[in-house]
Every structure is written in structure tokens, then in C-alpha cells.
C-alpha atoms as a PDB file:
ATOM      1  CA  MET A   1     -15.069  18.693  12.034  1.00  0.00           C
ATOM      2  CA  ARG A   2     -12.135  17.480  14.112  1.00  0.00           C
ATOM      3  CA  ASN A   3      -9.692  15.335  12.186  1.00  0.00           C
ATOM      4  CA  HIS A   4      -8.481  11.965  13.460  1.00  0.00           C
ATOM      5  CA  PHE A   5      -6.519   8.867  12.460  1.00  0.00           C
ATOM      6  CA  ILE A   6      -6.934   5.100  12.842  1.00  0.00           C
ATOM      7  CA  TYR A   7      -3.761   3.008  13.094  1.00  0.00           C
ATOM      8  CA  GLY A   8      -3.943  -0.779  13.235  1.00  0.00           C
ATOM      9  CA  GLY A   9      -7.537  -0.468  14.444  1.00  0.00           C
ATOM     10  CA  ILE A  10      -6.629   2.104  17.132  1.00  0.00           C
ATOM     11  CA  ASP A  11      -8.875   5.142  16.716  1.00  0.00           C
ATOM     12  CA  SER A  12      -7.323   8.338  18.080  1.00  0.00           C
ATOM     13  CA  ARG A  13     -10.800   9.627  18.976  1.00  0.00           C
ATOM     14  CA  ASN A  14     -11.160   6.901  21.584  1.00  0.00           C
ATOM     15  CA  TYR A  15      -8.320   8.605  23.487  1.00  0.00           C
ATOM     16  CA  GLY A  16      -9.602  12.139  22.953  1.00  0.00           C
ATOM     17  CA  ILE A  17      -6.799  12.763  20.430  1.00  0.00           C
ATOM     18  CA  TYR A  18      -7.327  14.817  17.266  1.00  0.00           C
ATOM     19  CA  ILE A  19      -4.941  15.959  14.537  1.00  0.00           C
ATOM     20  CA  SER A  20      -4.199  18.924  12.304  1.00  0.00           C
ATOM     21  CA  GLY A  21      -1.492  19.996   9.885  1.00  0.00           C
ATOM     22  CA  ASP A  22      -0.457  19.879   6.252  1.00  0.00           C
ATOM     23  CA  ALA A  23       2.014  16.956   6.358  1.00  0.00           C
ATOM     24  CA  VAL A  24      -0.623  14.598   4.952  1.00  0.00           C
ATOM     25  CA  PHE A  25      -0.287  16.394   1.619  1.00  0.00           C
ATOM     26  CA  ASN A  26       3.490  15.885   1.272  1.00  0.00           C
ATOM     27  CA  ALA A  27       4.845  13.753  -1.579  1.00  0.00           C
ATOM     28  CA  PRO A  28       7.553  11.074  -1.320  1.00  0.00           C
ATOM     29  CA  ARG A  29      11.002  11.437  -2.838  1.00  0.00           C
ATOM     30  CA  LYS A  30      11.677   9.559  -6.064  1.00  0.00           C
ATOM     31  CA  VAL A  31      15.024   7.772  -6.172  1.00  0.00           C
ATOM     32  CA  TYR A  32      17.478   8.600  -8.970  1.00  0.00           C
ATOM     33  CA  ASP A  33      21.079   7.577  -9.586  1.00  0.00           C
ATOM     34  CA  THR A  34      23.379  10.147 -11.176  1.00  0.00           C
ATOM     35  CA  ILE A  35      26.489   9.297 -13.145  1.00  0.00           C
ATOM     36  CA  ALA A  36      29.187  11.861 -13.977  1.00  0.00           C
ATOM     37  CA  VAL A  37      30.798  11.215 -17.378  1.00  0.00           C
ATOM     38  CA  PRO A  38      34.294  12.707 -17.889  1.00  0.00           C
ATOM     39  CA  GLY A  39      34.311  15.311 -20.631  1.00  0.00           C
ATOM     40  CA  ARG A  40      30.543  15.628 -20.683  1.00  0.00           C
ATOM     41  CA  ASN A  41      28.514  18.464 -19.205  1.00  0.00           C
ATOM     42  CA  GLY A  42      25.831  17.471 -16.766  1.00  0.00           C
ATOM     43  CA  ASP A  43      25.109  14.081 -15.237  1.00  0.00           C
ATOM     44  CA  LEU A  44      23.360  11.058 -16.628  1.00  0.00           C
ATOM     45  CA  ILE A  45      20.225  10.356 -14.653  1.00  0.00           C
ATOM     46  CA  MET A  46      18.962   6.832 -14.117  1.00  0.00           C
ATOM     47  CA  SER A  47      15.670   6.115 -12.372  1.00  0.00           C
ATOM     48  CA  GLY A  48      15.378   3.075 -10.161  1.00  0.00           C
ATOM     49  CA  ASN A  49      11.593   3.342 -10.652  1.00  0.00           C
ATOM     50  CA  ARG A  50      11.027   3.508  -6.927  1.00  0.00           C
ATOM     51  CA  MET A  51      10.198   6.015  -4.200  1.00  0.00           C
ATOM     52  CA  GLU A  52      11.522   6.225  -0.675  1.00  0.00           C
ATOM     53  CA  ASN A  53       9.419   5.787   2.421  1.00  0.00           C
ATOM     54  CA  ILE A  54       8.069   9.033   3.797  1.00  0.00           C
ATOM     55  CA  GLU A  55       7.785  10.323   7.352  1.00  0.00           C
ATOM     56  CA  LEU A  56       4.322  11.499   8.272  1.00  0.00           C
ATOM     57  CA  ALA A  57       3.969  13.641  11.410  1.00  0.00           C
ATOM     58  CA  TYR A  58       0.519  14.502  12.706  1.00  0.00           C
ATOM     59  CA  PRO A  59       0.349  17.560  14.965  1.00  0.00           C
ATOM     60  CA  ALA A  60      -2.003  16.210  17.637  1.00  0.00           C
ATOM     61  CA  PHE A  61      -3.823  17.629  20.622  1.00  0.00           C
ATOM     62  CA  SER A  62      -5.909  16.490  23.574  1.00  0.00           C
ATOM     63  CA  HIS A  63      -8.375  18.678  25.438  1.00  0.00           C
ATOM     64  CA  GLU A  64      -9.272  16.456  28.374  1.00  0.00           C
ATOM     65  CA  ASN A  65      -7.728  13.806  30.641  1.00  0.00           C
ATOM     66  CA  PHE A  66      -4.403  14.274  28.855  1.00  0.00           C
ATOM     67  CA  ARG A  67      -2.107  12.349  31.184  1.00  0.00           C
ATOM     68  CA  GLU A  68      -4.360   9.349  31.627  1.00  0.00           C
ATOM     69  CA  SER A  69      -5.559   9.039  28.023  1.00  0.00           C
ATOM     70  CA  PHE A  70      -2.098   9.740  26.582  1.00  0.00           C
ATOM     71  CA  ALA A  71      -0.528   6.939  28.638  1.00  0.00           C
ATOM     72  CA  GLY A  72      -3.136   4.474  27.369  1.00  0.00           C
ATOM     73  CA  PHE A  73      -2.670   5.694  23.815  1.00  0.00           C
ATOM     74  CA  LYS A  74       1.109   5.189  23.876  1.00  0.00           C
ATOM     75  CA  SER A  75       0.770   1.691  25.318  1.00  0.00           C
ATOM     76  CA  ALA A  76      -1.786   0.631  22.707  1.00  0.00           C
ATOM     77  CA  MET A  77       0.301   2.009  19.839  1.00  0.00           C
ATOM     78  CA  LEU A  78       3.556   0.437  21.010  1.00  0.00           C
ATOM     79  CA  ALA A  79       1.897  -2.953  21.450  1.00  0.00           C
ATOM     80  CA  LEU A  80       1.665  -3.154  17.636  1.00  0.00           C
ATOM     81  CA  SER A  81       4.633  -4.077  15.456  1.00  0.00           C
ATOM     82  CA  GLY A  82       5.467  -3.967  11.760  1.00  0.00           C
ATOM     83  CA  TYR A  83       3.480  -2.196   9.069  1.00  0.00           C
ATOM     84  CA  GLN A  84      -0.112  -1.451  10.014  1.00  0.00           C
ATOM     85  CA  ARG A  85      -2.998   0.086   8.146  1.00  0.00           C
ATOM     86  CA  LEU A  86      -3.172   3.856   8.690  1.00  0.00           C
ATOM     87  CA  GLU A  87      -6.250   5.893   7.784  1.00  0.00           C
ATOM     88  CA  ASP A  88      -7.087   9.515   8.469  1.00  0.00           C
ATOM     89  CA  SER A  89     -10.031  11.823   7.929  1.00  0.00           C
ATOM     90  CA  TYR A  90      -8.091  13.937   5.419  1.00  0.00           C
ATOM     91  CA  TYR A  91      -8.162  11.077   2.884  1.00  0.00           C
ATOM     92  CA  PRO A  92     -11.191   8.974   3.888  1.00  0.00           C
ATOM     93  CA  GLU A  93     -11.117   6.934   0.659  1.00  0.00           C
ATOM     94  CA  GLU A  94      -7.474   5.903   1.048  1.00  0.00           C
ATOM     95  CA  PHE A  95      -5.078   4.255   3.487  1.00  0.00           C
ATOM     96  CA  ARG A  96      -1.351   3.903   4.020  1.00  0.00           C
ATOM     97  CA  ARG A  97       0.957   1.148   5.239  1.00  0.00           C
ATOM     98  CA  ALA A  98       2.719   2.697   8.180  1.00  0.00           C
ATOM     99  CA  LEU A  99       5.062   1.885  11.042  1.00  0.00           C
ATOM    100  CA  PHE A 100       4.860   3.591  14.426  1.00  0.00           C
ATOM    101  CA  ARG A 101       8.296   3.546  16.039  1.00  0.00           C
ATOM    102  CA  GLY A 102       7.318   5.245  19.271  1.00  0.00           C
ATOM    103  CA  GLU A 103       8.190   8.723  18.039  1.00  0.00           C
ATOM    104  CA  ILE A 104       6.050  11.287  19.847  1.00  0.00           C
ATOM    105  CA  SER A 105       7.418  14.790  20.284  1.00  0.00           C
ATOM    106  CA  VAL A 106       5.623  16.723  23.018  1.00  0.00           C
ATOM    107  CA  ASN A 107       5.464  20.394  22.087  1.00  0.00           C
ATOM    108  CA  ALA A 108       3.578  21.705  25.087  1.00  0.00           C
ATOM    109  CA  THR A 109       1.643  20.342  27.996  1.00  0.00           C
ATOM    110  CA  LEU A 110      -0.889  22.970  28.925  1.00  0.00           C
ATOM    111  CA  SER A 111      -2.198  21.175  31.984  1.00  0.00           C
ATOM    112  CA  LYS A 112      -3.016  17.722  33.212  1.00  0.00           C
ATOM    113  CA  ASP A 113      -6.137  17.916  31.020  1.00  0.00           C
ATOM    114  CA  ALA A 114      -4.665  19.186  27.741  1.00  0.00           C
ATOM    115  CA  GLY A 115      -1.557  18.636  25.640  1.00  0.00           C
ATOM    116  CA  GLN A 116       0.021  19.191  22.225  1.00  0.00           C
ATOM    117  CA  TYR A 117       2.447  16.821  20.505  1.00  0.00           C
ATOM    118  CA  ASP A 118       3.496  15.308  17.168  1.00  0.00           C
ATOM    119  CA  VAL A 119       2.772  11.642  16.408  1.00  0.00           C
ATOM    120  CA  LYS A 120       5.179  10.350  13.748  1.00  0.00           C
ATOM    121  CA  PHE A 121       4.817   7.443  11.342  1.00  0.00           C
ATOM    122  CA  TYR A 122       7.245   5.865   8.866  1.00  0.00           C
ATOM    123  CA  CYS A 123       5.122   5.209   5.770  1.00  0.00           C
ATOM    124  CA  ASP A 124       5.213   3.310   2.519  1.00  0.00           C
ATOM    125  CA  PRO A 125       5.251   6.091  -0.119  1.00  0.00           C
ATOM    126  CA  ARG A 126       1.985   4.875  -1.622  1.00  0.00           C
ATOM    127  CA  ARG A 127      -1.540   5.892  -0.660  1.00  0.00           C
ATOM    128  CA  PHE A 128      -3.763   2.936  -1.489  1.00  0.00           C
ATOM    129  CA  LEU A 129      -7.300   3.437  -2.726  1.00  0.00           C
ATOM    130  CA  LYS A 130      -9.962   1.531  -0.827  1.00  0.00           C
ATOM    131  CA  THR A 131     -11.608   0.791  -4.176  1.00  0.00           C
ATOM    132  CA  GLY A 132      -8.454  -1.179  -5.002  1.00  0.00           C
ATOM    133  CA  GLU A 133      -9.404  -3.692  -2.312  1.00  0.00           C
ATOM    134  CA  LEU A 134     -12.496  -4.736  -4.249  1.00  0.00           C
ATOM    135  CA  LYS A 135     -12.270  -8.057  -6.076  1.00  0.00           C
ATOM    136  CA  HIS A 136     -13.019  -8.046  -9.831  1.00  0.00           C
ATOM    137  CA  THR A 137     -14.154 -11.240 -11.555  1.00  0.00           C
ATOM    138  CA  ILE A 138     -12.886 -11.021 -15.131  1.00  0.00           C
ATOM    139  CA  ALA A 139     -14.353 -12.899 -18.092  1.00  0.00           C
ATOM    140  CA  THR A 140     -11.978 -13.984 -20.843  1.00  0.00           C
ATOM    141  CA  GLY A 141     -11.661 -11.181 -23.342  1.00  0.00           C
ATOM    142  CA  GLY A 142     -12.527  -8.706 -20.582  1.00  0.00           C
ATOM    143  CA  ARG A 143     -10.600  -5.773 -19.222  1.00  0.00           C
ATOM    144  CA  ILE A 144      -9.815  -3.917 -16.027  1.00  0.00           C
ATOM    145  CA  GLU A 145      -9.281  -0.157 -15.926  1.00  0.00           C
ATOM    146  CA  ASN A 146      -6.537   1.362 -13.757  1.00  0.00           C
ATOM    147  CA  PRO A 147      -7.774   4.851 -12.746  1.00  0.00           C
ATOM    148  CA  THR A 148      -4.368   6.033 -11.467  1.00  0.00           C
ATOM    149  CA  ALA A 149      -1.095   7.195 -13.025  1.00  0.00           C
ATOM    150  CA  PHE A 150       0.912   4.298 -11.532  1.00  0.00           C
ATOM    151  CA  ASP A 151       1.391   0.601 -12.226  1.00  0.00           C
ATOM    152  CA  ALA A 152      -0.552  -1.456  -9.680  1.00  0.00           C
ATOM    153  CA  ARG A 153       0.638  -4.837  -8.383  1.00  0.00           C
ATOM    154  CA  PRO A 154      -2.483  -6.963  -8.059  1.00  0.00           C
ATOM    155  CA  LEU A 155      -3.422 -10.148  -6.235  1.00  0.00           C
ATOM    156  CA  ILE A 156      -4.814 -12.590  -8.795  1.00  0.00           C
ATOM    157  CA  ARG A 157      -6.682 -15.791  -8.007  1.00  0.00           C
ATOM    158  CA  VAL A 158      -6.825 -18.231 -10.930  1.00  0.00           C
ATOM    159  CA  THR A 159      -9.235 -21.169 -10.698  1.00  0.00           C
ATOM    160  CA  GLY A 160      -8.075 -24.071 -12.848  1.00  0.00           C
ATOM    161  CA  TYR A 161      -4.996 -24.237 -15.065  1.00  0.00           C
ATOM    162  CA  GLY A 162      -3.944 -23.084 -18.527  1.00  0.00           C
ATOM    163  CA  ASP A 163      -2.760 -19.848 -20.128  1.00  0.00           C
ATOM    164  CA  LEU A 164      -3.542 -16.382 -18.811  1.00  0.00           C
ATOM    165  CA  GLN A 165      -2.636 -13.015 -20.315  1.00  0.00           C
ATOM    166  CA  ILE A 166      -2.899  -9.731 -18.426  1.00  0.00           C
ATOM    167  CA  GLY A 167      -1.772  -6.760 -20.460  1.00  0.00           C
ATOM    168  CA  ASP A 168       1.647  -7.661 -21.877  1.00  0.00           C
ATOM    169  CA  CYS A 169       2.308 -10.439 -19.368  1.00  0.00           C
ATOM    170  CA  GLU A 170       1.732 -14.058 -20.398  1.00  0.00           C
ATOM    171  CA  ILE A 171       1.302 -16.574 -17.596  1.00  0.00           C
ATOM    172  CA  GLU A 172       1.260 -20.351 -17.785  1.00  0.00           C
ATOM    173  CA  ILE A 173      -0.257 -22.278 -14.887  1.00  0.00           C
ATOM    174  CA  ALA A 174       0.376 -26.010 -14.630  1.00  0.00           C
ATOM    175  CA  GLN A 175      -2.159 -28.498 -13.296  1.00  0.00           C
ATOM    176  CA  GLN A 176      -1.710 -29.066  -9.565  1.00  0.00           C
ATOM    177  CA  TYR A 177      -4.204 -27.092  -7.470  1.00  0.00           C
ATOM    178  CA  ALA A 178      -7.880 -26.154  -7.719  1.00  0.00           C
ATOM    179  CA  TYR A 179      -6.737 -22.525  -7.665  1.00  0.00           C
ATOM    180  CA  VAL A 180      -3.516 -20.524  -7.389  1.00  0.00           C
ATOM    181  CA  ASP A 181      -2.995 -17.041  -5.951  1.00  0.00           C
ATOM    182  CA  ILE A 182      -0.493 -14.863  -7.848  1.00  0.00           C
ATOM    183  CA  ASP A 183       0.671 -12.036  -5.598  1.00  0.00           C
ATOM    184  CA  SER A 184       2.511  -9.433  -7.668  1.00  0.00           C
ATOM    185  CA  GLU A 185       3.236  -7.251  -4.632  1.00  0.00           C
ATOM    186  CA  MET A 186       4.981 -10.065  -2.741  1.00  0.00           C
ATOM    187  CA  MET A 187       6.226 -11.705  -5.970  1.00  0.00           C
ATOM    188  CA  ASP A 188       4.932 -15.039  -4.773  1.00  0.00           C
ATOM    189  CA  CYS A 189       2.534 -17.761  -5.911  1.00  0.00           C
ATOM    190  CA  TYR A 190       0.718 -20.007  -3.457  1.00  0.00           C
ATOM    191  CA  HIS A 191      -2.298 -22.176  -2.720  1.00  0.00           C
ATOM    192  CA  ASP A 192      -3.414 -21.665   0.862  1.00  0.00           C
ATOM    193  CA  THR A 193      -0.135 -22.298   2.725  1.00  0.00           C
ATOM    194  CA  ASP A 194       1.523 -24.280  -0.121  1.00  0.00           C
ATOM    195  CA  ASN A 195       4.248 -22.690  -2.233  1.00  0.00           C
ATOM    196  CA  ALA A 196       3.094 -22.835  -5.874  1.00  0.00           C
ATOM    197  CA  ASN A 197       5.895 -20.923  -7.604  1.00  0.00           C
ATOM    198  CA  SER A 198       7.121 -23.999  -9.486  1.00  0.00           C
ATOM    199  CA  TYR A 199       3.702 -24.371 -11.157  1.00  0.00           C
ATOM    200  CA  VAL A 200       3.504 -20.801 -12.509  1.00  0.00           C
ATOM    201  CA  SER A 201       5.728 -19.268 -15.191  1.00  0.00           C
ATOM    202  CA  PHE A 202       5.775 -15.737 -16.594  1.00  0.00           C
ATOM    203  CA  SER A 203       6.958 -14.252 -19.861  1.00  0.00           C
ATOM    204  CA  GLY A 204      10.177 -12.383 -19.062  1.00  0.00           C
ATOM    205  CA  ASN A 205      10.009 -13.763 -15.498  1.00  0.00           C
ATOM    206  CA  ASP A 206       8.082 -10.631 -14.474  1.00  0.00           C
ATOM    207  CA  PHE A 207       4.969 -10.712 -12.313  1.00  0.00           C
ATOM    208  CA  PRO A 208       1.989  -8.973 -13.928  1.00  0.00           C
ATOM    209  CA  VAL A 209       1.173  -5.337 -13.270  1.00  0.00           C
ATOM    210  CA  LEU A 210      -1.882  -3.294 -14.156  1.00  0.00           C
ATOM    211  CA  ALA A 211      -0.697  -0.309 -16.162  1.00  0.00           C
ATOM    212  CA  PRO A 212      -2.567   3.022 -16.089  1.00  0.00           C
ATOM    213  CA  GLY A 213      -5.648   2.854 -18.276  1.00  0.00           C
ATOM    214  CA  ARG A 214      -7.126  -0.252 -19.896  1.00  0.00           C
ATOM    215  CA  ASN A 215      -5.657  -3.706 -19.262  1.00  0.00           C
ATOM    216  CA  THR A 216      -6.996  -6.620 -21.283  1.00  0.00           C
ATOM    217  CA  VAL A 217      -7.414 -10.062 -19.741  1.00  0.00           C
ATOM    218  CA  ALA A 218      -7.652 -13.317 -21.680  1.00  0.00           C
ATOM    219  CA  TYR A 219      -7.357 -16.948 -20.659  1.00  0.00           C
ATOM    220  CA  SER A 220      -7.699 -20.406 -22.160  1.00  0.00           C
ATOM    221  CA  GLY A 221      -7.247 -24.071 -21.346  1.00  0.00           C
ATOM    222  CA  HIS A 222      -8.919 -25.259 -18.149  1.00  0.00           C
ATOM    223  CA  ILE A 223      -9.116 -21.878 -16.407  1.00  0.00           C
ATOM    224  CA  THR A 224     -12.693 -21.275 -15.255  1.00  0.00           C
ATOM    225  CA  LYS A 225     -12.369 -18.045 -13.259  1.00  0.00           C
ATOM    226  CA  VAL A 226      -9.959 -15.136 -12.783  1.00  0.00           C
ATOM    227  CA  GLU A 227     -10.409 -12.772  -9.822  1.00  0.00           C
ATOM    228  CA  ILE A 228      -8.241  -9.663  -9.512  1.00  0.00           C
ATOM    229  CA  THR A 229      -7.792  -7.491  -6.429  1.00  0.00           C
ATOM    230  CA  PRO A 230      -5.975  -4.568  -8.086  1.00  0.00           C
ATOM    231  CA  HIS A 231      -4.408  -2.585  -5.209  1.00  0.00           C
ATOM    232  CA  TRP A 232      -4.717   0.831  -6.918  1.00  0.00           C
ATOM    233  CA  TRP A 233      -2.490   3.531  -5.419  1.00  0.00           C
ATOM    234  CA  ARG A 234      -1.311   7.096  -5.816  1.00  0.00           C
ATOM    235  CA  VAL A 235       0.953   9.531  -3.947  1.00  0.00           C
END
């Protein structure tokens, strides 16, 4: 099977472009701060609990109509801006958030009909699971299981108002809207296009995360429904 990628809805196969290579298996670099202490051997290591973006280069090739198809491919890719969804056939159950900056390194042009080149993306270090896009409706006293080794930052829709607890995070939602969306990834609360941050408060001022393993969910007051889109990820 020939491997391919889809970036922002652009399928490389539509341009006769296929990929190979091992770069898809690389891991991102975790960020640490080191502090040298006078009179002490070794450095103190402090983790910022974050990972750097990673460059992903696909070795790509075309076997037919190289010049014509490659020109159309470049134009379509460069017409997009910002992070886009990136999928490939190596990890069909996952996707990345990636930026194409126009970096294509041509290794060899065999003829007008064939070519070899690298297509480079600047990627969020996380590989998101497509199962993490599924919405879970949680009953009070229920739970949601994180199948990965990393804290996930979910999108939570709360219908009604009252008290909500997810794991160790306690959330109080004041009466104002029929529902409020709590976006832990963006660290924002809203109702449609309205800013709702002033109506939501958190214990410790931290947005909720879903820790690896079991996370309990409980709510009271006038909350009638809690829906969680978990955004599971791994590296």
C-alpha cells in the first residue's frame, strides 16, 4: 500500500503524491530548565511540563505528471494558513495540528513525469486520537476513562448551572445561560459567541484536566447535562 497524507482537507493522492520514511515515528523534545548551584555537583532540573513543537518531514514522490501536479499541490497547500489538521496513513486513528510553511526540499527531479522531494510540517507535539473527538454524556456520579499516559484538556458543555466536579477540580457555574462551554485547551468559557468567564469559577483557578486512568464526574444544583469531548492525545 502506498502511504499518503491529508492536510487541511488536501489529499496528497489527488496530486499523485505519496510518502515514505520514518520521521512519523519521532518523538518531541521535552523542555527542562537546569540550574547550577555553586558548591553542588550536578544541576537541578526543573520541568516546565511542556514539549516543543516538532518538525515532521515526509519524503515524497510523484510518478506521473510531476511538473503540472506539483505546481497545483504547492498552490493548494500555500493557500491555507495557521494550524491545520494533518492525517497520514501511518497513524490512521490519529491526527496532528500542523503548519505548512512552504518548505519543500526537492531532492531529485527524474523527469517531467516523476520527482522526489521532502514536504515539511511544523507540528504540535501531540498526536490526537480520533476517539478523543467523540462526545461523552456523563451522568452524575459517573466517570470517564483516559486511555493515555497524558493529561487531556477537554471541551465540556454544561447545561444548566450549579456545582460540577471533574477529578480534583471543583467548578461553580452561575445562572446566566442555558449552557456554558468550558474549553480547557483554550482556557476559555463561552456561550455561543458570548464570553462567559465571569460566570464560571474553578478551585485553584485551574481549568479541569482528565488525568490518565479513571476520572470521576459529579454535579448538583440545576445542572441537567454534562457532555465531555476529551481530546485524548499521545506522542
